Protein backbone atom coordinates (compact mmCIF):
# COMPACT_ATOMS: atom_id res chain seq x y z
CA MET A 1 8.15 -69.90 17.47
CA LYS A 2 7.65 -69.03 21.13
CA SER A 3 4.06 -68.76 22.24
CA ARG A 4 4.81 -66.04 24.80
CA ILE A 5 7.55 -63.88 26.32
CA GLY A 6 7.91 -64.54 30.04
CA VAL A 7 8.93 -61.72 32.38
CA GLY A 8 10.36 -62.11 35.87
CA LEU A 9 10.30 -59.03 38.07
CA ILE A 10 12.71 -58.59 40.99
CA GLY A 11 11.71 -55.58 43.09
CA PHE A 12 8.05 -54.69 43.53
CA GLY A 13 8.29 -51.12 44.76
CA THR A 14 7.17 -47.92 43.03
CA VAL A 15 8.65 -48.67 39.61
CA GLY A 16 7.97 -52.39 39.84
CA THR A 17 4.31 -51.64 40.52
CA GLY A 18 4.26 -49.40 37.45
CA VAL A 19 5.78 -52.15 35.30
CA ALA A 20 3.18 -54.65 36.48
CA LYS A 21 0.34 -52.21 35.82
CA VAL A 22 1.53 -51.45 32.28
CA LEU A 23 2.01 -55.13 31.45
CA LEU A 24 -1.42 -56.05 32.80
CA ASP A 25 -3.44 -53.02 31.68
CA HIS A 26 -1.89 -52.87 28.19
CA ALA A 27 -1.61 -56.62 27.65
CA ALA A 28 -3.71 -56.69 24.48
CA LEU A 29 -1.93 -53.68 22.97
CA ILE A 30 1.49 -55.15 23.77
CA GLU A 31 0.55 -58.51 22.23
CA ARG A 32 -0.52 -56.76 19.02
CA ARG A 33 2.86 -55.03 18.86
CA VAL A 34 5.02 -58.03 19.75
CA GLY A 35 3.06 -60.85 18.14
CA VAL A 36 2.68 -63.02 21.24
CA PRO A 37 1.59 -62.30 24.81
CA VAL A 38 4.16 -60.70 27.12
CA GLU A 39 3.33 -62.12 30.53
CA LEU A 40 4.45 -61.63 34.10
CA VAL A 41 5.59 -65.06 35.24
CA ARG A 42 7.20 -64.40 38.63
CA ILE A 43 7.64 -61.41 40.97
CA ALA A 44 10.18 -61.39 43.80
CA ASP A 45 10.22 -58.93 46.67
CA LEU A 46 11.12 -58.98 50.36
CA ASP A 47 7.56 -57.92 51.22
CA ILE A 48 4.94 -59.93 49.35
CA SER A 49 2.08 -59.14 51.73
CA LYS A 50 1.80 -55.41 51.02
CA ASP A 51 -1.20 -54.33 48.94
CA ARG A 52 0.08 -52.56 45.79
CA GLY A 53 -3.40 -51.96 44.41
CA ILE A 54 -2.95 -54.59 41.68
CA LYS A 55 -4.80 -57.87 41.28
CA LEU A 56 -2.15 -60.43 40.32
CA PRO A 57 -2.66 -63.98 39.06
CA ALA A 58 -2.13 -66.55 41.81
CA GLY A 59 1.35 -67.94 42.38
CA LEU A 60 3.38 -65.01 41.00
CA LEU A 61 4.85 -63.69 44.24
CA THR A 62 7.96 -65.04 45.95
CA THR A 63 10.65 -63.76 48.29
CA ASP A 64 13.34 -65.70 46.42
CA ALA A 65 15.08 -63.76 43.63
CA GLY A 66 16.85 -66.95 42.55
CA ALA A 67 13.50 -68.57 41.85
CA VAL A 68 12.83 -65.82 39.31
CA ILE A 69 16.26 -66.01 37.68
CA HIS A 70 16.20 -69.80 37.28
CA ASP A 71 12.55 -70.20 36.29
CA PRO A 72 12.64 -71.72 32.75
CA ALA A 73 9.49 -69.78 31.85
CA VAL A 74 11.29 -66.44 32.41
CA ASP A 75 12.92 -64.99 29.29
CA VAL A 76 13.56 -61.47 30.63
CA VAL A 77 14.63 -60.65 34.20
CA VAL A 78 13.79 -57.12 35.33
CA GLU A 79 15.92 -55.77 38.21
CA LEU A 80 14.26 -52.95 40.12
CA ILE A 81 15.61 -53.23 43.66
CA GLY A 82 18.04 -50.30 43.41
CA GLY A 83 21.38 -50.02 45.15
CA CYS A 84 24.52 -51.67 43.82
CA ASP A 85 25.84 -54.75 45.62
CA VAL A 86 22.78 -57.01 45.64
CA ALA A 87 21.52 -55.59 42.34
CA LYS A 88 24.86 -56.30 40.65
CA ARG A 89 24.80 -59.90 41.84
CA ILE A 90 21.24 -60.36 40.60
CA VAL A 91 22.01 -58.88 37.16
CA LEU A 92 25.20 -60.92 36.69
CA ASP A 93 23.50 -64.11 37.91
CA ALA A 94 20.64 -63.54 35.45
CA ILE A 95 23.10 -62.97 32.60
CA ALA A 96 25.04 -66.11 33.56
CA ALA A 97 21.76 -68.03 33.48
CA GLY A 98 21.26 -66.89 29.87
CA LYS A 99 18.45 -64.46 30.68
CA HIS A 100 17.99 -61.11 29.02
CA VAL A 101 18.02 -58.27 31.56
CA VAL A 102 16.21 -54.96 31.95
CA THR A 103 17.12 -52.51 34.72
CA ALA A 104 16.31 -48.95 35.79
CA ASN A 105 19.36 -48.82 38.05
CA LYS A 106 21.49 -45.81 37.02
CA ALA A 107 23.92 -46.10 39.93
CA LEU A 108 24.59 -49.74 39.09
CA LEU A 109 25.33 -48.94 35.44
CA ALA A 110 27.39 -45.83 36.23
CA LEU A 111 29.61 -47.76 38.66
CA HIS A 112 29.63 -51.28 37.18
CA GLY A 113 28.35 -50.85 33.64
CA GLU A 114 31.52 -52.06 31.91
CA GLU A 115 31.49 -55.39 33.74
CA ILE A 116 27.79 -55.85 33.03
CA TYR A 117 28.03 -54.91 29.33
CA GLU A 118 30.96 -57.29 28.82
CA ALA A 119 29.14 -60.13 30.60
CA ALA A 120 26.04 -59.61 28.46
CA THR A 121 28.15 -59.57 25.28
CA ARG A 122 29.96 -62.79 26.22
CA GLN A 123 26.72 -64.54 27.08
CA GLY A 124 24.90 -63.31 23.99
CA VAL A 125 22.03 -61.72 25.87
CA ALA A 126 20.50 -58.22 25.73
CA ILE A 127 20.47 -55.64 28.48
CA GLY A 128 17.96 -52.81 28.39
CA PHE A 129 18.13 -49.71 30.58
CA GLU A 130 15.90 -47.06 29.01
CA ALA A 131 14.39 -46.31 32.43
CA SER A 132 17.77 -45.50 33.98
CA VAL A 133 17.83 -41.93 32.61
CA GLY A 134 14.92 -39.55 32.17
CA GLY A 135 12.07 -41.79 33.35
CA GLY A 136 9.61 -41.93 30.47
CA ILE A 137 11.81 -39.90 28.09
CA PRO A 138 13.26 -42.24 25.39
CA ILE A 139 16.77 -40.75 25.50
CA ILE A 140 18.59 -44.11 25.61
CA ARG A 141 16.87 -45.43 22.49
CA SER A 142 17.37 -42.07 20.80
CA LEU A 143 21.14 -42.33 21.28
CA THR A 144 21.47 -46.02 20.48
CA GLU A 145 19.08 -46.19 17.52
CA GLY A 146 17.39 -42.94 16.48
CA LEU A 147 20.68 -41.02 16.27
CA ALA A 148 22.94 -43.99 15.52
CA GLY A 149 24.00 -42.53 12.17
CA ASP A 150 24.99 -39.13 13.53
CA ALA A 151 28.12 -37.77 15.18
CA ILE A 152 27.10 -36.31 18.52
CA TYR A 153 28.79 -33.03 19.45
CA SER A 154 27.17 -32.40 22.81
CA LEU A 155 24.27 -33.12 25.10
CA TYR A 156 23.06 -31.33 28.17
CA GLY A 157 19.96 -31.07 30.23
CA ILE A 158 17.93 -31.44 33.38
CA ILE A 159 18.16 -35.07 34.48
CA ASN A 160 17.08 -34.80 38.11
CA GLY A 161 13.49 -33.78 38.83
CA THR A 162 13.97 -33.11 42.54
CA SER A 163 16.62 -30.43 42.00
CA ASN A 164 14.64 -28.90 39.16
CA TYR A 165 11.54 -28.71 41.37
CA ILE A 166 13.53 -26.96 44.10
CA LEU A 167 15.17 -24.45 41.74
CA SER A 168 11.84 -23.79 40.01
CA ARG A 169 10.14 -23.02 43.33
CA MET A 170 13.04 -20.83 44.47
CA THR A 171 12.80 -18.90 41.19
CA GLN A 172 9.03 -18.49 41.33
CA GLU A 173 8.66 -17.77 45.05
CA GLY A 174 11.99 -16.21 46.01
CA HIS A 175 12.38 -18.62 48.93
CA GLU A 176 15.62 -19.98 50.41
CA PHE A 177 16.90 -23.45 49.51
CA ASN A 178 16.19 -25.08 52.88
CA ALA A 179 12.58 -23.91 52.98
CA VAL A 180 11.86 -25.23 49.48
CA LEU A 181 13.65 -28.51 50.21
CA GLN A 182 11.37 -29.07 53.19
CA GLU A 183 8.35 -28.31 51.01
CA ALA A 184 9.61 -30.79 48.38
CA GLN A 185 10.00 -33.49 51.03
CA GLN A 186 6.48 -32.88 52.32
CA ALA A 187 5.13 -33.10 48.76
CA GLY A 188 6.97 -36.37 48.14
CA TYR A 189 9.31 -34.92 45.50
CA ALA A 190 12.43 -35.25 47.68
CA GLU A 191 13.68 -38.14 49.80
CA ALA A 192 14.13 -37.89 53.55
CA ASP A 193 17.87 -37.92 52.74
CA PRO A 194 18.04 -35.82 49.55
CA THR A 195 21.84 -35.89 49.22
CA PHE A 196 22.03 -37.83 45.94
CA ASP A 197 19.60 -35.41 44.29
CA VAL A 198 20.62 -31.99 45.61
CA GLU A 199 24.38 -32.68 45.52
CA GLY A 200 24.24 -33.72 41.86
CA ILE A 201 25.27 -37.36 42.42
CA ASP A 202 22.14 -38.80 40.78
CA SER A 203 22.69 -36.53 37.77
CA ALA A 204 26.34 -37.62 37.53
CA HIS A 205 25.32 -41.29 37.42
CA LYS A 206 22.90 -40.56 34.59
CA LEU A 207 25.39 -38.39 32.72
CA ALA A 208 27.98 -41.19 32.85
CA ILE A 209 25.50 -43.49 31.07
CA LEU A 210 24.70 -40.87 28.41
CA VAL A 211 28.37 -40.08 27.72
CA ASN A 212 29.07 -43.79 27.31
CA LEU A 213 26.34 -44.14 24.70
CA ALA A 214 26.84 -40.84 22.87
CA PHE A 215 30.61 -41.02 22.44
CA GLY A 216 31.40 -44.74 22.66
CA THR A 217 33.81 -44.43 25.55
CA PRO A 218 33.95 -45.96 29.03
CA VAL A 219 33.42 -43.35 31.74
CA ASN A 220 34.58 -43.35 35.34
CA VAL A 221 31.76 -41.53 37.15
CA LYS A 222 34.24 -40.44 39.83
CA GLU A 223 35.98 -38.29 37.21
CA ILE A 224 32.81 -36.34 36.40
CA TYR A 225 32.95 -32.94 38.11
CA THR A 226 29.89 -32.81 40.35
CA GLU A 227 28.47 -29.80 42.19
CA GLY A 228 24.99 -29.51 43.71
CA ILE A 229 22.48 -26.74 44.30
CA THR A 230 22.73 -26.29 48.08
CA ARG A 231 24.62 -22.99 47.79
CA ILE A 232 22.24 -21.35 45.30
CA THR A 233 20.54 -18.31 46.86
CA PRO A 234 17.55 -16.13 45.94
CA THR A 235 20.08 -13.32 45.44
CA ASP A 236 21.83 -15.20 42.62
CA ILE A 237 18.50 -16.19 41.09
CA ALA A 238 17.46 -12.52 41.07
CA TYR A 239 20.72 -11.43 39.43
CA ALA A 240 20.39 -14.20 36.86
CA ASN A 241 16.96 -12.81 35.99
CA ALA A 242 18.48 -9.34 35.60
CA PHE A 243 20.85 -10.80 32.99
CA GLY A 244 17.96 -12.60 31.24
CA LEU A 245 19.17 -15.96 32.58
CA VAL A 246 17.74 -18.88 34.58
CA ILE A 247 19.61 -21.23 36.94
CA LYS A 248 19.24 -24.98 36.38
CA LEU A 249 21.18 -28.00 37.58
CA LEU A 250 22.53 -29.41 34.32
CA GLY A 251 24.40 -32.49 33.25
CA ILE A 252 26.69 -31.33 30.44
CA ALA A 253 28.78 -33.42 28.03
CA LYS A 254 30.76 -32.14 25.06
CA LEU A 255 33.26 -33.61 22.61
CA VAL A 256 35.98 -30.98 22.24
CA ASP A 257 39.18 -31.63 20.23
CA GLY A 258 38.97 -35.36 20.78
CA ALA A 259 38.43 -35.11 24.55
CA ILE A 260 35.26 -35.28 26.62
CA GLU A 261 33.89 -32.64 28.94
CA ALA A 262 31.52 -34.23 31.46
CA ARG A 263 30.25 -32.13 34.36
CA VAL A 264 27.24 -31.59 36.61
CA HIS A 265 26.70 -28.20 38.24
CA PRO A 266 24.28 -25.30 38.58
CA THR A 267 24.28 -23.41 35.30
CA MET A 268 22.84 -20.12 34.11
CA LEU A 269 21.36 -20.28 30.63
CA PRO A 270 19.25 -17.89 28.54
CA ALA A 271 15.65 -17.72 29.75
CA THR A 272 14.48 -18.13 26.13
CA SER A 273 16.21 -21.52 25.68
CA PRO A 274 14.01 -24.65 25.69
CA ILE A 275 15.78 -26.20 28.70
CA ALA A 276 15.41 -23.00 30.79
CA GLN A 277 11.64 -23.19 30.43
CA VAL A 278 11.37 -26.67 31.95
CA ASP A 279 9.97 -26.37 35.47
CA GLY A 280 8.87 -28.61 38.31
CA VAL A 281 9.80 -32.29 38.35
CA TYR A 282 10.11 -32.49 34.57
CA ASN A 283 13.32 -33.44 32.77
CA ALA A 284 14.63 -32.28 29.41
CA ILE A 285 17.71 -33.24 27.41
CA GLN A 286 19.10 -31.38 24.41
CA VAL A 287 21.30 -33.30 21.98
CA VAL A 288 23.37 -31.61 19.27
CA GLY A 289 24.47 -33.74 16.32
CA GLU A 290 26.35 -32.96 13.14
CA ALA A 291 23.50 -34.00 10.84
CA VAL A 292 20.40 -33.53 13.00
CA GLY A 293 21.37 -30.25 14.65
CA ASP A 294 19.54 -29.57 17.93
CA ILE A 295 16.83 -31.83 19.29
CA VAL A 296 15.14 -31.66 22.71
CA LEU A 297 13.43 -34.50 24.56
CA TYR A 298 11.10 -33.46 27.36
CA GLY A 299 8.86 -35.26 29.83
CA ARG A 300 8.41 -36.79 33.27
CA GLY A 301 11.77 -37.87 34.59
CA ALA A 302 10.47 -40.19 37.30
CA GLY A 303 7.34 -41.79 38.70
CA SER A 304 5.76 -45.21 38.75
CA MET A 305 3.98 -45.15 35.39
CA PRO A 306 6.40 -43.15 33.17
CA THR A 307 9.40 -45.18 34.38
CA GLY A 308 7.39 -48.40 34.29
CA GLN A 309 6.49 -47.72 30.67
CA ALA A 310 10.18 -47.25 29.82
CA VAL A 311 10.96 -50.63 31.37
CA VAL A 312 8.17 -52.26 29.37
CA ALA A 313 9.48 -50.65 26.17
CA ASP A 314 12.77 -52.49 26.75
CA ILE A 315 10.92 -55.74 27.41
CA ILE A 316 9.01 -55.31 24.13
CA ALA A 317 12.22 -54.60 22.17
CA ILE A 318 13.86 -57.72 23.61
CA GLY A 319 10.73 -59.79 22.99
CA ARG A 320 10.67 -58.77 19.33
CA ASP A 321 14.33 -59.77 18.95
CA ILE A 322 13.70 -63.13 20.62
CA LEU A 323 10.88 -63.87 18.19
CA ALA A 324 12.99 -62.75 15.21
CA GLY A 325 15.93 -64.89 16.31
CA ALA A 326 18.09 -61.79 16.62
CA GLN A 327 20.85 -61.73 19.22
CA ARG A 328 22.25 -58.46 20.57
CA ARG A 329 20.84 -56.52 17.60
CA VAL A 330 21.74 -53.28 19.39
CA PRO A 331 25.05 -53.44 21.30
CA ALA A 332 24.69 -52.97 25.04
CA ALA A 333 26.63 -49.68 25.04
CA SER A 334 25.47 -48.49 21.60
CA PHE A 335 28.86 -49.07 19.92
CA ARG A 336 30.07 -52.63 19.34
CA GLN A 337 32.06 -53.69 22.37
CA ASP A 338 35.31 -54.09 20.38
CA GLN A 339 34.81 -50.70 18.69
CA ARG A 340 34.52 -48.55 21.80
CA ARG A 341 37.46 -46.21 22.37
CA PRO A 342 38.70 -44.70 25.63
CA LEU A 343 38.67 -40.92 25.29
CA ARG A 344 40.35 -38.49 27.64
CA LEU A 345 38.03 -36.87 30.17
CA LYS A 346 39.04 -33.24 30.57
CA PRO A 347 39.82 -32.12 34.11
CA MET A 348 37.50 -29.34 35.21
CA GLU A 349 40.30 -26.77 35.38
CA GLU A 350 40.82 -27.14 31.60
CA ILE A 351 37.27 -26.36 30.50
CA SER A 352 36.27 -22.94 29.17
CA SER A 353 32.98 -21.22 29.93
CA LEU A 354 31.25 -17.94 30.55
CA TYR A 355 31.04 -17.10 34.24
CA TYR A 356 28.76 -15.28 36.67
CA LEU A 357 30.76 -13.95 39.65
CA ARG A 358 29.26 -12.32 42.74
CA PHE A 359 31.51 -10.51 45.22
CA MET A 360 30.38 -9.23 48.61
CA VAL A 361 32.59 -6.20 49.25
CA VAL A 362 32.87 -3.11 51.39
CA ASP A 363 31.54 -0.17 49.39
CA ARG A 364 34.44 2.22 48.94
CA PRO A 365 36.18 3.89 45.98
CA GLY A 366 38.43 1.72 43.82
CA VAL A 367 37.01 -1.69 44.76
CA LEU A 368 35.56 -2.47 41.33
CA ALA A 369 38.79 -1.35 39.67
CA GLN A 370 40.83 -3.70 41.86
CA ILE A 371 38.52 -6.63 41.09
CA ALA A 372 38.68 -5.89 37.37
CA GLY A 373 42.46 -5.57 37.60
CA GLU A 374 42.87 -9.01 39.17
CA LEU A 375 40.55 -10.58 36.61
CA GLY A 376 42.49 -8.91 33.82
CA ARG A 377 45.79 -10.14 35.27
CA PHE A 378 44.55 -13.70 34.75
CA GLY A 379 43.28 -13.01 31.24
CA ILE A 380 39.59 -12.79 32.16
CA SER A 381 37.56 -10.23 30.23
CA ILE A 382 34.42 -8.64 31.69
CA SER A 383 31.21 -8.73 29.67
CA SER A 384 28.92 -6.80 32.03
CA VAL A 385 28.69 -5.50 35.60
CA LEU A 386 25.76 -5.00 37.97
CA GLN A 387 26.30 -2.85 41.06
CA GLN A 388 23.51 -1.57 43.26
CA GLY A 389 23.30 1.94 44.66
CA ARG A 390 26.08 3.25 46.87
CA ARG A 391 26.13 2.42 50.61
CA ALA A 392 29.45 3.85 51.70
CA GLY A 393 31.26 1.66 54.21
CA GLN A 394 28.67 -1.11 54.09
CA THR A 395 28.86 -4.54 52.41
CA VAL A 396 27.30 -4.61 48.95
CA PRO A 397 27.23 -7.12 46.08
CA VAL A 398 29.22 -6.55 42.90
CA VAL A 399 28.15 -8.89 40.13
CA ILE A 400 30.22 -9.55 37.02
CA LYS A 401 29.54 -11.65 33.94
CA THR A 402 32.66 -12.64 32.01
CA HIS A 403 33.48 -13.46 28.45
CA GLN A 404 34.80 -16.96 27.69
CA ALA A 405 37.48 -17.88 30.21
CA ARG A 406 39.34 -20.95 31.43
CA GLU A 407 38.25 -22.50 34.73
CA ARG A 408 41.78 -22.60 36.13
CA ASP A 409 42.28 -18.89 35.46
CA VAL A 410 38.95 -17.96 37.03
CA ARG A 411 39.63 -19.97 40.16
CA ASN A 412 43.12 -18.50 40.52
CA ALA A 413 41.76 -14.99 40.11
CA LEU A 414 39.04 -15.58 42.71
CA ALA A 415 41.62 -16.93 45.17
CA GLU A 416 43.52 -13.64 44.88
CA ILE A 417 40.41 -11.46 45.10
CA ASN A 418 39.07 -13.37 48.12
CA ARG A 419 42.22 -12.37 50.01
CA LYS A 420 41.56 -8.67 49.56
CA PRO A 421 40.64 -6.80 52.76
CA PHE A 422 37.50 -5.33 51.21
CA VAL A 423 35.98 -8.80 50.50
CA SER A 424 33.62 -9.97 53.26
CA ASP A 425 32.71 -13.44 51.90
CA PRO A 426 34.21 -15.84 49.33
CA ALA A 427 33.06 -15.05 45.81
CA THR A 428 30.17 -16.98 44.28
CA LEU A 429 30.87 -18.65 40.91
CA ILE A 430 28.18 -20.01 38.58
CA ARG A 431 28.96 -21.12 35.05
CA VAL A 432 26.92 -19.80 32.14
CA GLU A 433 25.93 -21.69 28.97
CA GLY A 434 25.25 -19.60 25.91
CA LYS A 435 26.90 -17.53 23.23
CA ASP A 436 29.69 -15.13 24.15
CA GLU A 437 28.62 -11.58 23.43
């Protein structure tokens, strides 16, 4: 029996520091749970002179990632450098060297997951990636183990803390997007270049991983419809409130008639729903299964310690399997590699939803009737209308909430309405999750 589990860490930034702290501070607790010590053996980073506020045993630090991968004392290689090209090479080299791998790299798995899963399966090693989605929330293990006996119907939730912080502040303060973004950057909740967060790209990477695990199908992240929050205005937030709704950036996945819906976009949902009440940098994911019904996982979606703890949880799981002589006890992508099935990913124009539509129009008689007529011509039924007091000849908003409608029909109707002479700006469209009334 092995006397210890050796861990090699590549990348000693924010998350890497959290991993080291958890392994060192909780060493006794982890040993009680695993059965032997789980020890940091080597740490590689480009900058090994920076003070991370941790007292490390002598001789751990190196600038050579290869020295970590090929160290015979390392059982588990942890990749935390981010990005894709170098990270992919490190992960595949570690797998080829017979090392088990843990990563928090959602972009890497979303873009190159299939190659990595297949390599791990061939080599007979484990790959853990709990920290890739939801920070400290155990959504990966919930899908691969806790809910392994259930048929998943859908999952959706807030999987990007930066966007949720911005939308929460806009809702609470009534401020414009750009002002709140600047505040988020000053507070350290948004990067200097926030594109991946506010344009929904980070959420799409995470959703691709979740779809893969929930439905046992490879996913091309480029086929996931992705829309960010940059066009959300205080006006739309106020109208959402009038309807009893809240706007959140959601990752949504559904299994419908044997095909997958996978999309990321701003969504209105009932203010009373659990996900709608999640504010700030927190994440929350709701999973709906045939047997379990609805469950919600909620917590910190990022940060040094929550994400570091998720990485350590994977290390512990792998360490237990090593000691038990178990190989690949849980398949890399939840389903056995030879039992995964490609499912059709629905194009966005085929999905059906409820819709919030805001038109900026010249206030004159007959405008609402013409809008309703065009919507009706495309088979779109109106659920409710909000129209502020009359201001004859001036531009005013007309807000409509629809019954269930098909995306293609809604977009075609809006194209026709936008051409009308009384329309001053292109219509705003936000999808709505909830029951049709």
